[in-house]
Amino acid sequence: MIAGNTDIAKKIAMVFTVAIFFYSCQDTYKRVGDEKQILIFPQGVAREFELTYTETIEELESEDKGTSRVIAVLKSPLSEDYDNMIFKYRTFPEGLLVEYYDQDNNKSTIRADYGIIYSQTNIIDLRGGVVIETHDGKKLETPQLYWDRKDEWIFTQEKFTYTNPEDGTIMDGEGMDFNRDFTYFKAHRTYGYISIKEDES
């Protein structure tokens, strides 16, 4: 009889031990959304931001003096500087306007609702209502665009509308590469051309 009670006591003890073991392994971690995000703050914020890019006309030595010309002016209501991060960048959350000039000082413009400049790669990422207008009337509209400042190359994988008053056409397509003055461009996929020229007769 005593041996039977001992067996029952051992079984009860075993059940309690297993129950406590499983209870202690329960996930009691409280999550906020998927995981709480780490907050990132800019090292600097500028209102009515304006940045002028210039280049010298001829190559200069360390002590030389020379003339320079404006190649681009970037304007934005708000600029947030994240150059304190490992991968440095600057954002323009309220949109931006870039005015850029060719060798003959002709001005063209790029507008966007949002922009990011990646300092280490010299890539500008433009998003939302991106419109490029050249000095000779060409116009490109797209929801997103990348501008490689170093190679002066512009590209998009998004849908676009390209208007060219020189040959009187409007072209719709998806994906495009071109240089900044539109003297060379390649559309990846086009949906057709629409003539906008008026009949002279």
N, C-alpha and C. Protein backbone atom coordinates (compact mmCIF):
# COMPACT_ATOMS: atom_id res chain seq x y z
N MET A 1 0.83 -1.20 0.00
CA MET A 1 0.00 0.00 0.00
C MET A 1 0.86 1.25 0.00
N ILE A 2 1.94 1.20 0.79
CA ILE A 2 2.84 2.36 0.85
C ILE A 2 3.54 2.53 -0.48
N ALA A 3 3.93 1.42 -1.11
CA ALA A 3 4.60 1.49 -2.41
C ALA A 3 3.69 2.09 -3.46
N GLY A 4 2.38 1.78 -3.42
CA GLY A 4 1.42 2.34 -4.37
C GLY A 4 1.28 3.84 -4.20
N ASN A 5 1.24 4.30 -2.93
CA ASN A 5 1.17 5.74 -2.67
C ASN A 5 2.41 6.46 -3.17
N THR A 6 3.54 5.81 -3.03
CA THR A 6 4.80 6.41 -3.49
C THR A 6 4.80 6.57 -4.99
N ASP A 7 4.29 5.54 -5.71
CA ASP A 7 4.21 5.63 -7.17
C ASP A 7 3.29 6.77 -7.60
N ILE A 8 2.15 6.90 -6.92
CA ILE A 8 1.19 7.96 -7.24
C ILE A 8 1.83 9.32 -6.97
N ALA A 9 2.53 9.44 -5.85
CA ALA A 9 3.19 10.71 -5.50
C ALA A 9 4.25 11.07 -6.54
N LYS A 10 5.00 10.05 -7.03
CA LYS A 10 6.02 10.30 -8.05
C LYS A 10 5.38 10.78 -9.36
N LYS A 11 4.24 10.16 -9.72
CA LYS A 11 3.55 10.55 -10.95
C LYS A 11 3.00 11.97 -10.85
N ILE A 12 2.44 12.31 -9.69
CA ILE A 12 1.92 13.67 -9.49
C ILE A 12 3.05 14.68 -9.55
N ALA A 13 4.17 14.35 -8.91
CA ALA A 13 5.34 15.23 -8.93
C ALA A 13 5.86 15.42 -10.35
N MET A 14 5.84 14.33 -11.13
CA MET A 14 6.30 14.40 -12.52
C MET A 14 5.39 15.29 -13.35
N VAL A 15 4.08 15.18 -13.17
CA VAL A 15 3.11 16.00 -13.90
C VAL A 15 3.32 17.48 -13.58
N PHE A 16 3.48 17.81 -12.28
CA PHE A 16 3.71 19.20 -11.88
C PHE A 16 5.02 19.73 -12.46
N THR A 17 6.06 18.91 -12.47
CA THR A 17 7.36 19.33 -13.01
C THR A 17 7.25 19.64 -14.49
N VAL A 18 6.59 18.76 -15.24
CA VAL A 18 6.41 18.99 -16.68
C VAL A 18 5.56 20.22 -16.93
N ALA A 19 4.51 20.43 -16.13
CA ALA A 19 3.63 21.59 -16.28
C ALA A 19 4.41 22.88 -16.03
N ILE A 20 5.22 22.89 -14.99
CA ILE A 20 6.03 24.08 -14.67
C ILE A 20 7.03 24.35 -15.78
N PHE A 21 7.64 23.27 -16.32
CA PHE A 21 8.61 23.40 -17.40
C PHE A 21 7.97 24.07 -18.62
N PHE A 22 6.80 23.58 -19.04
CA PHE A 22 6.12 24.15 -20.20
C PHE A 22 5.64 25.58 -19.94
N TYR A 23 5.20 25.88 -18.74
CA TYR A 23 4.75 27.23 -18.40
C TYR A 23 5.91 28.22 -18.48
N SER A 24 7.09 27.77 -18.00
CA SER A 24 8.25 28.66 -18.00
C SER A 24 8.74 28.93 -19.42
N CYS A 25 8.39 28.09 -20.39
CA CYS A 25 8.81 28.27 -21.78
C CYS A 25 7.83 29.11 -22.60
N GLN A 26 6.77 29.60 -21.98
CA GLN A 26 5.80 30.40 -22.73
C GLN A 26 6.41 31.73 -23.15
N ASP A 27 5.97 32.22 -24.32
CA ASP A 27 6.43 33.50 -24.85
C ASP A 27 5.60 34.61 -24.23
N THR A 28 6.18 35.34 -23.28
CA THR A 28 5.46 36.43 -22.62
C THR A 28 5.97 37.80 -23.09
N TYR A 29 6.78 37.81 -24.22
CA TYR A 29 7.33 39.06 -24.75
C TYR A 29 6.23 39.90 -25.37
N LYS A 30 6.11 41.16 -24.94
CA LYS A 30 5.09 42.05 -25.48
C LYS A 30 5.66 42.80 -26.69
N ARG A 31 4.98 42.68 -27.83
CA ARG A 31 5.44 43.30 -29.05
C ARG A 31 4.61 44.56 -29.36
N VAL A 32 5.28 45.54 -29.96
CA VAL A 32 4.59 46.74 -30.41
C VAL A 32 4.60 46.68 -31.93
N GLY A 33 3.45 46.38 -32.51
CA GLY A 33 3.43 46.11 -33.96
C GLY A 33 4.21 44.84 -34.20
N ASP A 34 5.01 44.80 -35.26
CA ASP A 34 5.88 43.64 -35.47
C ASP A 34 7.05 43.71 -34.49
N GLU A 35 7.71 44.79 -34.45
CA GLU A 35 8.78 45.09 -33.49
C GLU A 35 8.85 46.60 -33.38
N LYS A 36 9.21 47.09 -32.23
CA LYS A 36 9.33 48.54 -32.07
C LYS A 36 10.51 49.04 -32.90
N GLN A 37 10.29 50.08 -33.71
CA GLN A 37 11.32 50.59 -34.60
C GLN A 37 12.28 51.50 -33.83
N ILE A 38 13.54 51.46 -34.26
CA ILE A 38 14.55 52.35 -33.67
C ILE A 38 14.34 53.75 -34.28
N LEU A 39 14.25 54.75 -33.44
CA LEU A 39 14.04 56.12 -33.91
C LEU A 39 15.36 56.69 -34.42
N ILE A 40 15.31 57.32 -35.59
CA ILE A 40 16.49 57.94 -36.19
C ILE A 40 16.20 59.43 -36.34
N PHE A 41 17.14 60.25 -35.88
CA PHE A 41 16.96 61.69 -35.94
C PHE A 41 18.04 62.32 -36.80
N PRO A 42 17.70 63.36 -37.57
CA PRO A 42 18.72 64.03 -38.39
C PRO A 42 19.68 64.82 -37.52
N GLN A 43 20.91 64.98 -38.03
CA GLN A 43 21.88 65.80 -37.28
C GLN A 43 21.65 67.29 -37.53
N GLY A 44 20.89 67.60 -38.58
CA GLY A 44 20.58 68.99 -38.86
C GLY A 44 19.32 69.12 -39.69
N VAL A 45 18.57 70.20 -39.46
CA VAL A 45 17.35 70.48 -40.21
C VAL A 45 17.44 71.92 -40.71
N ALA A 46 17.14 72.12 -42.00
CA ALA A 46 17.22 73.47 -42.57
C ALA A 46 15.90 73.81 -43.26
N ARG A 47 15.39 75.01 -42.98
CA ARG A 47 14.21 75.53 -43.66
C ARG A 47 14.64 76.45 -44.79
N GLU A 48 13.85 76.49 -45.86
CA GLU A 48 14.16 77.29 -47.05
C GLU A 48 15.60 77.02 -47.49
N PHE A 49 15.87 75.75 -47.70
CA PHE A 49 17.22 75.26 -48.05
C PHE A 49 17.54 75.60 -49.50
N GLU A 50 18.76 76.08 -49.75
CA GLU A 50 19.22 76.33 -51.11
C GLU A 50 20.70 75.99 -51.20
N LEU A 51 21.05 75.14 -52.17
CA LEU A 51 22.43 74.69 -52.34
C LEU A 51 22.84 74.92 -53.78
N THR A 52 23.96 75.61 -54.00
CA THR A 52 24.44 75.92 -55.34
C THR A 52 25.67 75.08 -55.64
N TYR A 53 25.62 74.35 -56.77
CA TYR A 53 26.76 73.56 -57.23
C TYR A 53 27.49 74.35 -58.32
N THR A 54 28.80 74.46 -58.18
CA THR A 54 29.60 75.17 -59.17
C THR A 54 30.76 74.30 -59.63
N GLU A 55 31.34 74.68 -60.76
CA GLU A 55 32.56 74.01 -61.22
C GLU A 55 33.46 75.06 -61.84
N THR A 56 34.76 74.85 -61.77
CA THR A 56 35.70 75.78 -62.40
C THR A 56 35.77 75.48 -63.89
N ILE A 57 35.98 76.52 -64.64
CA ILE A 57 36.01 76.38 -66.10
C ILE A 57 37.27 75.64 -66.54
N GLU A 58 38.40 75.92 -65.88
CA GLU A 58 39.63 75.20 -66.19
C GLU A 58 40.18 74.58 -64.92
N GLU A 59 41.02 73.55 -65.08
CA GLU A 59 41.59 72.87 -63.92
C GLU A 59 42.58 73.80 -63.23
N LEU A 60 42.49 73.86 -61.89
CA LEU A 60 43.33 74.77 -61.11
C LEU A 60 44.29 74.00 -60.24
N GLU A 61 45.46 74.63 -60.01
CA GLU A 61 46.40 74.10 -59.01
C GLU A 61 45.96 74.61 -57.64
N SER A 62 46.67 74.21 -56.59
CA SER A 62 46.24 74.52 -55.23
C SER A 62 46.18 76.01 -54.92
N GLU A 63 47.05 76.82 -55.50
CA GLU A 63 47.10 78.26 -55.20
C GLU A 63 46.51 79.12 -56.31
N ASP A 64 46.01 78.50 -57.38
CA ASP A 64 45.49 79.26 -58.51
C ASP A 64 44.15 79.90 -58.19
N LYS A 65 43.87 80.98 -58.90
CA LYS A 65 42.56 81.60 -58.85
C LYS A 65 41.96 81.49 -60.25
N GLY A 66 40.66 81.31 -60.29
CA GLY A 66 40.02 81.18 -61.60
C GLY A 66 38.54 81.47 -61.48
N THR A 67 37.87 81.38 -62.60
CA THR A 67 36.44 81.63 -62.61
C THR A 67 35.69 80.30 -62.55
N SER A 68 34.48 80.37 -62.06
CA SER A 68 33.65 79.17 -61.97
C SER A 68 32.27 79.50 -62.52
N ARG A 69 31.51 78.46 -62.83
CA ARG A 69 30.15 78.65 -63.32
C ARG A 69 29.20 77.80 -62.51
N VAL A 70 27.96 78.25 -62.40
CA VAL A 70 26.92 77.51 -61.68
C VAL A 70 26.45 76.37 -62.59
N ILE A 71 26.45 75.14 -62.06
CA ILE A 71 25.94 74.02 -62.85
C ILE A 71 24.56 73.55 -62.36
N ALA A 72 24.23 73.82 -61.09
CA ALA A 72 22.92 73.44 -60.57
C ALA A 72 22.62 74.20 -59.29
N VAL A 73 21.33 74.44 -59.05
CA VAL A 73 20.85 75.05 -57.81
C VAL A 73 19.71 74.18 -57.30
N LEU A 74 19.84 73.70 -56.07
CA LEU A 74 18.81 72.86 -55.45
C LEU A 74 18.08 73.69 -54.40
N LYS A 75 16.74 73.73 -54.47
CA LYS A 75 15.94 74.50 -53.52
C LYS A 75 14.88 73.58 -52.92
N SER A 76 14.63 73.77 -51.62
CA SER A 76 13.60 72.97 -50.95
C SER A 76 13.10 73.71 -49.71
N PRO A 77 11.79 73.56 -49.38
CA PRO A 77 11.28 74.17 -48.15
C PRO A 77 11.88 73.56 -46.89
N LEU A 78 12.28 72.27 -46.96
CA LEU A 78 12.80 71.58 -45.78
C LEU A 78 13.85 70.56 -46.19
N SER A 79 15.00 70.59 -45.50
CA SER A 79 16.06 69.61 -45.72
C SER A 79 16.44 68.99 -44.39
N GLU A 80 16.54 67.66 -44.37
CA GLU A 80 16.96 66.93 -43.17
C GLU A 80 18.26 66.18 -43.47
N ASP A 81 19.29 66.48 -42.68
CA ASP A 81 20.64 65.97 -42.92
C ASP A 81 20.91 64.75 -42.05
N TYR A 82 21.12 63.59 -42.71
CA TYR A 82 21.44 62.35 -42.00
C TYR A 82 22.87 61.90 -42.30
N ASP A 83 23.78 62.85 -42.44
CA ASP A 83 25.18 62.51 -42.69
C ASP A 83 25.87 61.93 -41.46
N ASN A 84 25.15 61.87 -40.34
CA ASN A 84 25.69 61.23 -39.13
C ASN A 84 25.51 59.71 -39.17
N MET A 85 24.79 59.18 -40.18
CA MET A 85 24.56 57.75 -40.30
C MET A 85 25.74 57.09 -41.02
N ILE A 86 25.83 55.77 -40.91
CA ILE A 86 26.90 55.04 -41.61
C ILE A 86 26.75 55.23 -43.11
N PHE A 87 25.51 55.06 -43.63
CA PHE A 87 25.23 55.34 -45.04
C PHE A 87 24.59 56.72 -45.10
N LYS A 88 25.37 57.71 -45.47
CA LYS A 88 24.98 59.11 -45.35
C LYS A 88 23.94 59.49 -46.42
N TYR A 89 22.97 60.33 -46.02
CA TYR A 89 21.98 60.81 -46.98
C TYR A 89 21.32 62.08 -46.44
N ARG A 90 20.61 62.76 -47.34
CA ARG A 90 19.86 63.98 -47.00
C ARG A 90 18.49 63.85 -47.63
N THR A 91 17.43 64.18 -46.87
CA THR A 91 16.08 64.06 -47.40
C THR A 91 15.44 65.43 -47.59
N PHE A 92 14.45 65.46 -48.49
CA PHE A 92 13.67 66.66 -48.77
C PHE A 92 12.19 66.26 -48.70
N PRO A 93 11.65 66.14 -47.48
CA PRO A 93 10.30 65.58 -47.32
C PRO A 93 9.17 66.46 -47.84
N GLU A 94 9.44 67.74 -48.08
CA GLU A 94 8.39 68.64 -48.59
C GLU A 94 8.62 69.01 -50.05
N GLY A 95 9.41 68.21 -50.74
CA GLY A 95 9.65 68.43 -52.16
C GLY A 95 10.90 69.24 -52.43
N LEU A 96 11.27 69.29 -53.72
CA LEU A 96 12.45 70.04 -54.11
C LEU A 96 12.37 70.47 -55.56
N LEU A 97 13.17 71.47 -55.88
CA LEU A 97 13.32 71.97 -57.24
C LEU A 97 14.81 72.03 -57.53
N VAL A 98 15.22 71.42 -58.65
CA VAL A 98 16.61 71.49 -59.10
C VAL A 98 16.64 72.26 -60.42
N GLU A 99 17.40 73.34 -60.45
CA GLU A 99 17.63 74.09 -61.69
C GLU A 99 19.05 73.77 -62.13
N TYR A 100 19.20 73.21 -63.33
CA TYR A 100 20.54 72.87 -63.79
C TYR A 100 20.82 73.53 -65.14
N TYR A 101 22.11 73.81 -65.38
CA TYR A 101 22.53 74.64 -66.50
C TYR A 101 23.51 73.88 -67.39
N ASP A 102 23.34 74.02 -68.72
CA ASP A 102 24.27 73.37 -69.63
C ASP A 102 25.46 74.29 -69.90
N GLN A 103 26.32 73.90 -70.84
CA GLN A 103 27.54 74.67 -71.13
C GLN A 103 27.22 76.07 -71.65
N ASP A 104 26.05 76.23 -72.27
CA ASP A 104 25.65 77.54 -72.79
C ASP A 104 24.80 78.33 -71.81
N ASN A 105 24.74 77.85 -70.56
CA ASN A 105 24.00 78.49 -69.48
C ASN A 105 22.48 78.46 -69.68
N ASN A 106 21.98 77.49 -70.46
CA ASN A 106 20.54 77.30 -70.60
C ASN A 106 20.02 76.54 -69.39
N LYS A 107 18.91 77.01 -68.84
CA LYS A 107 18.38 76.43 -67.61
C LYS A 107 17.28 75.40 -67.89
N SER A 108 17.40 74.23 -67.24
CA SER A 108 16.35 73.22 -67.23
C SER A 108 15.99 72.95 -65.78
N THR A 109 14.83 72.34 -65.53
CA THR A 109 14.39 72.14 -64.15
C THR A 109 13.90 70.71 -63.91
N ILE A 110 14.04 70.29 -62.65
CA ILE A 110 13.46 69.03 -62.18
C ILE A 110 12.69 69.35 -60.90
N ARG A 111 11.43 68.89 -60.84
CA ARG A 111 10.60 69.05 -59.64
C ARG A 111 10.17 67.68 -59.14
N ALA A 112 10.03 67.56 -57.82
CA ALA A 112 9.53 66.31 -57.23
C ALA A 112 8.90 66.62 -55.88
N ASP A 113 7.97 65.75 -55.46
CA ASP A 113 7.29 65.91 -54.17
C ASP A 113 8.16 65.47 -53.00
N TYR A 114 9.17 64.62 -53.28
CA TYR A 114 10.04 64.09 -52.23
C TYR A 114 11.37 63.73 -52.87
N GLY A 115 12.45 63.91 -52.11
CA GLY A 115 13.76 63.59 -52.66
C GLY A 115 14.74 63.12 -51.60
N ILE A 116 15.68 62.28 -52.03
CA ILE A 116 16.79 61.82 -51.16
C ILE A 116 18.08 61.95 -51.97
N ILE A 117 19.10 62.55 -51.37
CA ILE A 117 20.43 62.57 -51.96
C ILE A 117 21.30 61.63 -51.13
N TYR A 118 21.85 60.61 -51.79
CA TYR A 118 22.78 59.68 -51.13
C TYR A 118 24.18 60.22 -51.32
N SER A 119 24.77 60.74 -50.24
CA SER A 119 26.03 61.47 -50.31
C SER A 119 27.18 60.62 -50.84
N GLN A 120 27.24 59.36 -50.46
CA GLN A 120 28.38 58.52 -50.82
C GLN A 120 28.33 58.00 -52.25
N THR A 121 27.14 57.94 -52.83
CA THR A 121 27.01 57.40 -54.18
C THR A 121 26.67 58.47 -55.22
N ASN A 122 26.38 59.71 -54.77
CA ASN A 122 26.00 60.80 -55.67
C ASN A 122 24.73 60.49 -56.47
N ILE A 123 23.85 59.67 -55.91
CA ILE A 123 22.58 59.35 -56.54
C ILE A 123 21.48 60.18 -55.87
N ILE A 124 20.62 60.79 -56.69
CA ILE A 124 19.44 61.49 -56.18
C ILE A 124 18.22 60.64 -56.53
N ASP A 125 17.41 60.32 -55.52
CA ASP A 125 16.19 59.54 -55.69
C ASP A 125 15.01 60.51 -55.57
N LEU A 126 14.29 60.70 -56.67
CA LEU A 126 13.16 61.64 -56.70
C LEU A 126 11.86 60.85 -56.78
N ARG A 127 10.87 61.24 -55.97
CA ARG A 127 9.61 60.49 -55.90
C ARG A 127 8.41 61.43 -55.90
N GLY A 128 7.35 60.96 -56.55
CA GLY A 128 6.07 61.67 -56.50
C GLY A 128 6.02 62.88 -57.41
N GLY A 129 5.23 62.80 -58.47
CA GLY A 129 5.03 63.94 -59.36
C GLY A 129 6.32 64.50 -59.92
N VAL A 130 7.24 63.62 -60.36
CA VAL A 130 8.52 64.08 -60.89
C VAL A 130 8.30 64.65 -62.30
N VAL A 131 8.77 65.88 -62.51
CA VAL A 131 8.65 66.55 -63.81
C VAL A 131 9.99 67.16 -64.18
N ILE A 132 10.51 66.77 -65.36
CA ILE A 132 11.72 67.40 -65.91
C ILE A 132 11.30 68.24 -67.09
N GLU A 133 11.73 69.50 -67.12
CA GLU A 133 11.47 70.38 -68.25
C GLU A 133 12.79 70.97 -68.71
N THR A 134 13.15 70.71 -69.98
CA THR A 134 14.41 71.23 -70.51
C THR A 134 14.19 72.63 -71.08
N HIS A 135 15.30 73.34 -71.31
CA HIS A 135 15.23 74.72 -71.81
C HIS A 135 14.58 74.80 -73.18
N ASP A 136 14.62 73.70 -73.97
CA ASP A 136 14.04 73.72 -75.31
C ASP A 136 12.64 73.12 -75.35
N GLY A 137 11.99 72.94 -74.19
CA GLY A 137 10.59 72.56 -74.15
C GLY A 137 10.29 71.08 -73.99
N LYS A 138 11.31 70.21 -73.97
CA LYS A 138 11.05 68.79 -73.75
C LYS A 138 10.59 68.59 -72.31
N LYS A 139 9.71 67.60 -72.11
CA LYS A 139 9.14 67.40 -70.77
C LYS A 139 8.97 65.90 -70.50
N LEU A 140 9.39 65.49 -69.31
CA LEU A 140 9.22 64.10 -68.87
C LEU A 140 8.47 64.10 -67.55
N GLU A 141 7.43 63.26 -67.45
CA GLU A 141 6.65 63.13 -66.22
C GLU A 141 6.65 61.67 -65.80
N THR A 142 6.95 61.40 -64.52
CA THR A 142 7.02 60.03 -64.02
C THR A 142 6.87 60.06 -62.49
N PRO A 143 6.45 58.95 -61.87
CA PRO A 143 6.31 58.95 -60.40
C PRO A 143 7.63 58.79 -59.64
N GLN A 144 8.67 58.27 -60.29
CA GLN A 144 9.96 58.13 -59.60
C GLN A 144 11.09 58.18 -60.61
N LEU A 145 12.23 58.75 -60.16
CA LEU A 145 13.36 58.95 -61.06
C LEU A 145 14.65 58.92 -60.26
N TYR A 146 15.71 58.36 -60.85
CA TYR A 146 17.05 58.40 -60.24
C TYR A 146 17.95 59.24 -61.11
N TRP A 147 18.75 60.09 -60.45
CA TRP A 147 19.70 60.94 -61.17
C TRP A 147 21.09 60.66 -60.61
N ASP A 148 21.97 60.15 -61.47
CA ASP A 148 23.37 59.92 -61.11
C ASP A 148 24.13 61.20 -61.42
N ARG A 149 24.45 61.97 -60.40
CA ARG A 149 25.10 63.27 -60.61
C ARG A 149 26.51 63.13 -61.17
N LYS A 150 27.21 62.09 -60.77
CA LYS A 150 28.60 61.90 -61.20
C LYS A 150 28.67 61.66 -62.71
N ASP A 151 27.83 60.75 -63.21
CA ASP A 151 27.84 60.42 -64.63
C ASP A 151 26.82 61.22 -65.44
N GLU A 152 26.08 62.12 -64.77
CA GLU A 152 25.04 62.93 -65.41
C GLU A 152 24.08 62.05 -66.21
N TRP A 153 23.64 61.00 -65.57
CA TRP A 153 22.75 60.03 -66.21
C TRP A 153 21.47 59.91 -65.39
N ILE A 154 20.32 59.87 -66.05
CA ILE A 154 19.02 59.84 -65.39
C ILE A 154 18.28 58.59 -65.85
N PHE A 155 17.60 57.91 -64.93
CA PHE A 155 16.89 56.69 -65.32
C PHE A 155 15.70 56.44 -64.41
N THR A 156 14.73 55.71 -64.98
CA THR A 156 13.54 55.31 -64.23
C THR A 156 13.10 53.94 -64.71
N GLN A 157 12.46 53.19 -63.83
CA GLN A 157 11.83 51.92 -64.19
C GLN A 157 10.31 52.07 -64.21
N GLU A 158 9.83 53.27 -63.88
CA GLU A 158 8.39 53.51 -63.76
C GLU A 158 7.80 53.94 -65.11
N LYS A 159 6.47 54.06 -65.13
CA LYS A 159 5.78 54.58 -66.31
C LYS A 159 6.13 56.05 -66.48
N PHE A 160 6.12 56.50 -67.73
CA PHE A 160 6.47 57.90 -68.00
C PHE A 160 5.66 58.42 -69.18
N THR A 161 5.61 59.75 -69.26
CA THR A 161 5.10 60.46 -70.44
C THR A 161 6.16 61.45 -70.87
N TYR A 162 6.57 61.35 -72.12
CA TYR A 162 7.64 62.21 -72.65
C TYR A 162 7.07 63.04 -73.79
N THR A 163 7.15 64.37 -73.65
CA THR A 163 6.65 65.29 -74.68
C THR A 163 7.83 65.96 -75.35
N ASN A 164 7.85 65.89 -76.68
CA ASN A 164 8.94 66.49 -77.46
C ASN A 164 8.35 67.45 -78.49
N PRO A 165 8.41 68.77 -78.23
CA PRO A 165 7.82 69.72 -79.18
C PRO A 165 8.59 69.82 -80.49
N GLU A 166 9.86 69.39 -80.51
CA GLU A 166 10.66 69.49 -81.74
C GLU A 166 10.07 68.64 -82.85
N ASP A 167 9.67 67.38 -82.51
CA ASP A 167 9.06 66.55 -83.54
C ASP A 167 7.55 66.39 -83.33
N GLY A 168 7.01 67.13 -82.35
CA GLY A 168 5.57 67.17 -82.14
C GLY A 168 4.96 65.86 -81.69
N THR A 169 5.59 65.19 -80.72
CA THR A 169 5.07 63.90 -80.26
C THR A 169 4.97 63.83 -78.75
N ILE A 170 4.06 62.95 -78.32
CA ILE A 170 3.97 62.56 -76.91
C ILE A 170 4.16 61.05 -76.87
N MET A 171 5.08 60.58 -76.05
CA MET A 171 5.35 59.15 -75.97
C MET A 171 5.07 58.67 -74.54
N ASP A 172 4.30 57.59 -74.43
CA ASP A 172 4.08 56.94 -73.14
C ASP A 172 4.87 55.64 -73.12
N GLY A 173 5.41 55.29 -71.95
CA GLY A 173 6.18 54.06 -71.86
C GLY A 173 6.47 53.69 -70.43
N GLU A 174 7.37 52.72 -70.28
CA GLU A 174 7.76 52.23 -68.95
C GLU A 174 9.25 51.93 -68.97
N GLY A 175 10.01 52.63 -68.13
CA GLY A 175 11.46 52.45 -68.07
C GLY A 175 12.17 53.30 -69.10
N MET A 176 13.16 54.09 -68.65
CA MET A 176 13.84 54.99 -69.57
C MET A 176 15.21 55.37 -69.01
N ASP A 177 16.21 55.49 -69.89
CA ASP A 177 17.55 55.99 -69.55
C ASP A 177 17.85 57.17 -70.46
N PHE A 178 18.47 58.22 -69.92
CA PHE A 178 18.82 59.35 -70.77
C PHE A 178 19.84 60.24 -70.07
N ASN A 179 20.54 61.07 -70.89
CA ASN A 179 21.42 62.06 -70.29
C ASN A 179 20.60 63.30 -69.96
N ARG A 180 21.19 64.22 -69.20
CA ARG A 180 20.37 65.27 -68.60
C ARG A 180 19.82 66.28 -69.59
N ASP A 181 20.39 66.40 -70.80
CA ASP A 181 19.82 67.35 -71.76
C ASP A 181 19.02 66.65 -72.86
N PHE A 182 18.74 65.35 -72.67
CA PHE A 182 17.90 64.57 -73.59
C PHE A 182 18.48 64.46 -75.00
N THR A 183 19.80 64.65 -75.16
CA THR A 183 20.39 64.45 -76.49
C THR A 183 20.51 62.96 -76.79
N TYR A 184 20.50 62.13 -75.76
CA TYR A 184 20.44 60.67 -75.95
C TYR A 184 19.46 60.10 -74.94
N PHE A 185 18.54 59.25 -75.41
CA PHE A 185 17.69 58.53 -74.47
C PHE A 185 17.25 57.21 -75.07
N LYS A 186 16.95 56.27 -74.18
CA LYS A 186 16.49 54.95 -74.60
C LYS A 186 15.29 54.56 -73.74
N ALA A 187 14.15 54.35 -74.38
CA ALA A 187 12.95 53.90 -73.68
C ALA A 187 12.95 52.37 -73.67
N HIS A 188 12.71 51.77 -72.51
CA HIS A 188 12.70 50.31 -72.41
C HIS A 188 11.46 49.71 -73.04
N ARG A 189 10.33 50.37 -72.85
CA ARG A 189 9.06 49.86 -73.38
C ARG A 189 8.17 51.06 -73.68
N THR A 190 7.61 51.12 -74.87
CA THR A 190 6.74 52.23 -75.24
C THR A 190 5.35 51.72 -75.60
N TYR A 191 4.37 52.61 -75.37
CA TYR A 191 2.97 52.28 -75.67
C TYR A 191 2.50 52.97 -76.95
N GLY A 192 3.36 53.81 -77.53
CA GLY A 192 2.97 54.46 -78.78
C GLY A 192 3.25 55.95 -78.75
N TYR A 193 3.17 56.55 -79.92
CA TYR A 193 3.40 57.98 -80.09
C TYR A 193 2.09 58.65 -80.50
N ILE A 194 1.92 59.87 -80.02
CA ILE A 194 0.77 60.67 -80.43
C ILE A 194 1.31 61.96 -81.02
N SER A 195 0.95 62.23 -82.26
CA SER A 195 1.42 63.46 -82.90
C SER A 195 0.63 64.66 -82.38
N ILE A 196 1.36 65.73 -82.05
CA ILE A 196 0.69 66.95 -81.58
C ILE A 196 0.95 68.13 -82.53
N LYS A 197 1.58 67.84 -83.68
CA LYS A 197 1.82 68.92 -84.64
C LYS A 197 0.54 69.33 -85.31
N GLU A 198 0.42 70.62 -85.56
CA GLU A 198 -0.75 71.12 -86.28
C GLU A 198 -0.47 71.09 -87.77
N ASP A 199 -1.51 70.84 -88.54
CA ASP A 199 -1.39 70.82 -90.00
C ASP A 199 -1.18 72.23 -90.51
N GLU A 200 -0.08 72.46 -91.25
CA GLU A 200 0.23 73.81 -91.72
C GLU A 200 -0.79 74.32 -92.73
N SER A 201 -1.43 73.41 -93.48
CA SER A 201 -2.42 73.85 -94.47
C SER A 201 -3.73 74.15 -93.78
